[in-house]
Amino acid sequence: MATGFGFKRAKHTIRGLNRSAAIEFGSRGVRVNELQPGVIDTEMTQANPEGTQRVADTGIPMRRVDTG
């Protein structure tokens, strides 16, 4: 069963990189933004639909699972 470990690691890597860039360059007026995907309807998320919807309900403002 897929755990999503690599996906989570990649998302947090991007978040850390952007945070570091914001700290380093913010004093020079540079803004750093990031856009990351939410929950996507895949085989992995279909294996646990209740948990997937709970994540969407608590961590995504639109409270929905994207169909890709």
N, C-alpha and C. Protein backbone atom coordinates (compact mmCIF):
# COMPACT_ATOMS: atom_id res chain seq x y z
N MET A 1 0.85 -1.19 0.00
CA MET A 1 0.00 0.00 0.00
C MET A 1 0.89 1.24 0.00
N ALA A 2 0.56 2.18 -0.83
CA ALA A 2 1.32 3.42 -0.91
C ALA A 2 1.02 4.29 0.32
N THR A 3 2.06 4.91 0.85
CA THR A 3 1.88 5.74 2.04
C THR A 3 1.91 7.23 1.72
N GLY A 4 2.39 7.59 0.54
CA GLY A 4 2.49 9.00 0.20
C GLY A 4 3.71 9.67 0.79
N PHE A 5 4.64 8.86 1.33
CA PHE A 5 5.82 9.44 1.99
C PHE A 5 6.61 10.36 1.06
N GLY A 6 6.86 9.90 -0.16
CA GLY A 6 7.63 10.72 -1.10
C GLY A 6 6.93 12.01 -1.45
N PHE A 7 5.61 11.95 -1.62
CA PHE A 7 4.84 13.15 -1.94
C PHE A 7 4.90 14.15 -0.79
N LYS A 8 4.72 13.66 0.43
CA LYS A 8 4.77 14.54 1.60
C LYS A 8 6.16 15.15 1.75
N ARG A 9 7.18 14.34 1.53
CA ARG A 9 8.55 14.83 1.64
C ARG A 9 8.80 15.94 0.60
N ALA A 10 8.32 15.73 -0.62
CA ALA A 10 8.51 16.74 -1.67
C ALA A 10 7.78 18.03 -1.33
N LYS A 11 6.55 17.94 -0.81
CA LYS A 11 5.81 19.15 -0.45
C LYS A 11 6.52 19.94 0.65
N HIS A 12 7.03 19.23 1.65
CA HIS A 12 7.72 19.91 2.74
C HIS A 12 9.07 20.48 2.30
N THR A 13 9.70 19.83 1.33
CA THR A 13 10.95 20.37 0.77
C THR A 13 10.68 21.70 0.08
N ILE A 14 9.62 21.75 -0.71
CA ILE A 14 9.26 22.99 -1.38
C ILE A 14 8.91 24.08 -0.36
N ARG A 15 8.15 23.71 0.65
CA ARG A 15 7.78 24.67 1.69
C ARG A 15 9.02 25.22 2.40
N GLY A 16 9.97 24.35 2.73
CA GLY A 16 11.20 24.79 3.39
C GLY A 16 12.05 25.68 2.51
N LEU A 17 12.16 25.32 1.24
CA LEU A 17 12.93 26.14 0.30
C LEU A 17 12.32 27.53 0.17
N ASN A 18 11.01 27.60 0.04
CA ASN A 18 10.35 28.90 -0.08
C ASN A 18 10.47 29.72 1.19
N ARG A 19 10.35 29.07 2.32
CA ARG A 19 10.48 29.79 3.59
C ARG A 19 11.90 30.36 3.74
N SER A 20 12.90 29.56 3.40
CA SER A 20 14.28 30.04 3.46
C SER A 20 14.51 31.21 2.52
N ALA A 21 13.96 31.12 1.32
CA ALA A 21 14.11 32.21 0.35
C ALA A 21 13.41 33.47 0.86
N ALA A 22 12.24 33.34 1.46
CA ALA A 22 11.52 34.49 2.00
C ALA A 22 12.31 35.16 3.12
N ILE A 23 12.91 34.36 3.98
CA ILE A 23 13.71 34.91 5.08
C ILE A 23 14.94 35.62 4.54
N GLU A 24 15.60 34.99 3.58
CA GLU A 24 16.83 35.56 3.04
C GLU A 24 16.61 36.81 2.20
N PHE A 25 15.57 36.81 1.37
CA PHE A 25 15.40 37.90 0.42
C PHE A 25 14.31 38.90 0.80
N GLY A 26 13.53 38.60 1.84
CA GLY A 26 12.45 39.49 2.26
C GLY A 26 12.93 40.88 2.64
N SER A 27 14.08 40.98 3.24
CA SER A 27 14.61 42.29 3.64
C SER A 27 14.97 43.16 2.44
N ARG A 28 15.06 42.54 1.27
CA ARG A 28 15.37 43.29 0.04
C ARG A 28 14.11 43.55 -0.80
N GLY A 29 12.98 43.28 -0.21
CA GLY A 29 11.72 43.55 -0.89
C GLY A 29 11.25 42.46 -1.84
N VAL A 30 11.89 41.31 -1.78
CA VAL A 30 11.50 40.21 -2.66
C VAL A 30 10.42 39.38 -1.96
N ARG A 31 9.31 39.15 -2.64
CA ARG A 31 8.25 38.31 -2.11
C ARG A 31 8.40 36.90 -2.66
N VAL A 32 8.14 35.93 -1.83
CA VAL A 32 8.23 34.53 -2.25
C VAL A 32 6.88 33.88 -1.97
N ASN A 33 6.30 33.30 -3.00
CA ASN A 33 5.01 32.62 -2.87
C ASN A 33 5.15 31.18 -3.32
N GLU A 34 4.23 30.35 -2.86
CA GLU A 34 4.23 28.96 -3.31
C GLU A 34 2.79 28.52 -3.54
N LEU A 35 2.64 27.62 -4.46
CA LEU A 35 1.34 27.02 -4.76
C LEU A 35 1.56 25.52 -4.76
N GLN A 36 0.82 24.84 -3.91
CA GLN A 36 0.98 23.39 -3.82
C GLN A 36 -0.37 22.72 -4.02
N PRO A 37 -0.36 21.54 -4.63
CA PRO A 37 -1.62 20.84 -4.86
C PRO A 37 -2.24 20.36 -3.56
N GLY A 38 -3.54 20.24 -3.59
CA GLY A 38 -4.26 19.67 -2.46
C GLY A 38 -4.42 18.18 -2.66
N VAL A 39 -5.55 17.66 -2.25
CA VAL A 39 -5.82 16.23 -2.37
C VAL A 39 -6.37 15.95 -3.77
N ILE A 40 -5.77 14.99 -4.47
CA ILE A 40 -6.19 14.61 -5.81
C ILE A 40 -6.79 13.20 -5.74
N ASP A 41 -7.88 13.00 -6.46
CA ASP A 41 -8.55 11.70 -6.50
C ASP A 41 -7.70 10.71 -7.29
N THR A 42 -7.05 9.79 -6.59
CA THR A 42 -6.19 8.78 -7.20
C THR A 42 -6.50 7.42 -6.56
N GLU A 43 -5.85 6.38 -7.05
CA GLU A 43 -6.02 5.05 -6.43
C GLU A 43 -5.65 5.09 -4.96
N MET A 44 -4.59 5.83 -4.63
CA MET A 44 -4.14 5.89 -3.24
C MET A 44 -5.20 6.55 -2.35
N THR A 45 -5.82 7.64 -2.80
CA THR A 45 -6.82 8.30 -1.98
C THR A 45 -8.14 7.54 -1.97
N GLN A 46 -8.43 6.80 -3.04
CA GLN A 46 -9.65 6.01 -3.09
C GLN A 46 -9.59 4.83 -2.12
N ALA A 47 -8.40 4.41 -1.74
CA ALA A 47 -8.24 3.31 -0.79
C ALA A 47 -8.72 3.69 0.60
N ASN A 48 -8.79 4.99 0.90
CA ASN A 48 -9.22 5.47 2.21
C ASN A 48 -10.10 6.71 2.01
N PRO A 49 -11.30 6.56 1.46
CA PRO A 49 -12.12 7.73 1.14
C PRO A 49 -12.52 8.56 2.36
N GLU A 50 -12.75 7.93 3.51
CA GLU A 50 -13.13 8.70 4.70
C GLU A 50 -11.97 9.57 5.18
N GLY A 51 -10.78 8.99 5.21
CA GLY A 51 -9.60 9.75 5.62
C GLY A 51 -9.28 10.86 4.65
N THR A 52 -9.44 10.57 3.37
CA THR A 52 -9.18 11.59 2.34
C THR A 52 -10.13 12.76 2.51
N GLN A 53 -11.40 12.48 2.71
CA GLN A 53 -12.37 13.56 2.88
C GLN A 53 -12.12 14.34 4.17
N ARG A 54 -11.67 13.64 5.22
CA ARG A 54 -11.35 14.32 6.48
C ARG A 54 -10.22 15.31 6.26
N VAL A 55 -9.20 14.91 5.49
CA VAL A 55 -8.09 15.81 5.18
C VAL A 55 -8.61 17.01 4.39
N ALA A 56 -9.46 16.77 3.41
CA ALA A 56 -10.03 17.85 2.62
C ALA A 56 -10.85 18.79 3.50
N ASP A 57 -11.62 18.24 4.42
CA ASP A 57 -12.48 19.05 5.29
C ASP A 57 -11.69 19.91 6.26
N THR A 58 -10.55 19.42 6.71
CA THR A 58 -9.80 20.15 7.74
C THR A 58 -8.64 20.98 7.20
N GLY A 59 -8.14 20.65 6.01
CA GLY A 59 -6.94 21.33 5.55
C GLY A 59 -7.05 22.08 4.24
N ILE A 60 -8.23 22.04 3.62
CA ILE A 60 -8.40 22.69 2.32
C ILE A 60 -9.59 23.65 2.42
N PRO A 61 -9.37 24.93 2.14
CA PRO A 61 -10.46 25.90 2.29
C PRO A 61 -11.73 25.55 1.49
N MET A 62 -11.59 25.00 0.29
CA MET A 62 -12.77 24.67 -0.52
C MET A 62 -13.40 23.34 -0.12
N ARG A 63 -12.73 22.59 0.75
CA ARG A 63 -13.23 21.32 1.30
C ARG A 63 -13.66 20.33 0.21
N ARG A 64 -12.82 20.18 -0.80
CA ARG A 64 -13.16 19.22 -1.84
C ARG A 64 -11.90 18.51 -2.32
N VAL A 65 -12.11 17.34 -2.89
CA VAL A 65 -11.03 16.56 -3.47
C VAL A 65 -11.03 16.83 -4.95
N ASP A 66 -9.88 17.21 -5.50
CA ASP A 66 -9.76 17.52 -6.93
C ASP A 66 -9.79 16.23 -7.74
N THR A 67 -10.42 16.27 -8.87
CA THR A 67 -10.50 15.09 -9.74
C THR A 67 -9.40 15.09 -10.79
N GLY A 68 -8.51 16.05 -10.71
CA GLY A 68 -7.37 16.08 -11.62
C GLY A 68 -7.74 16.72 -12.87
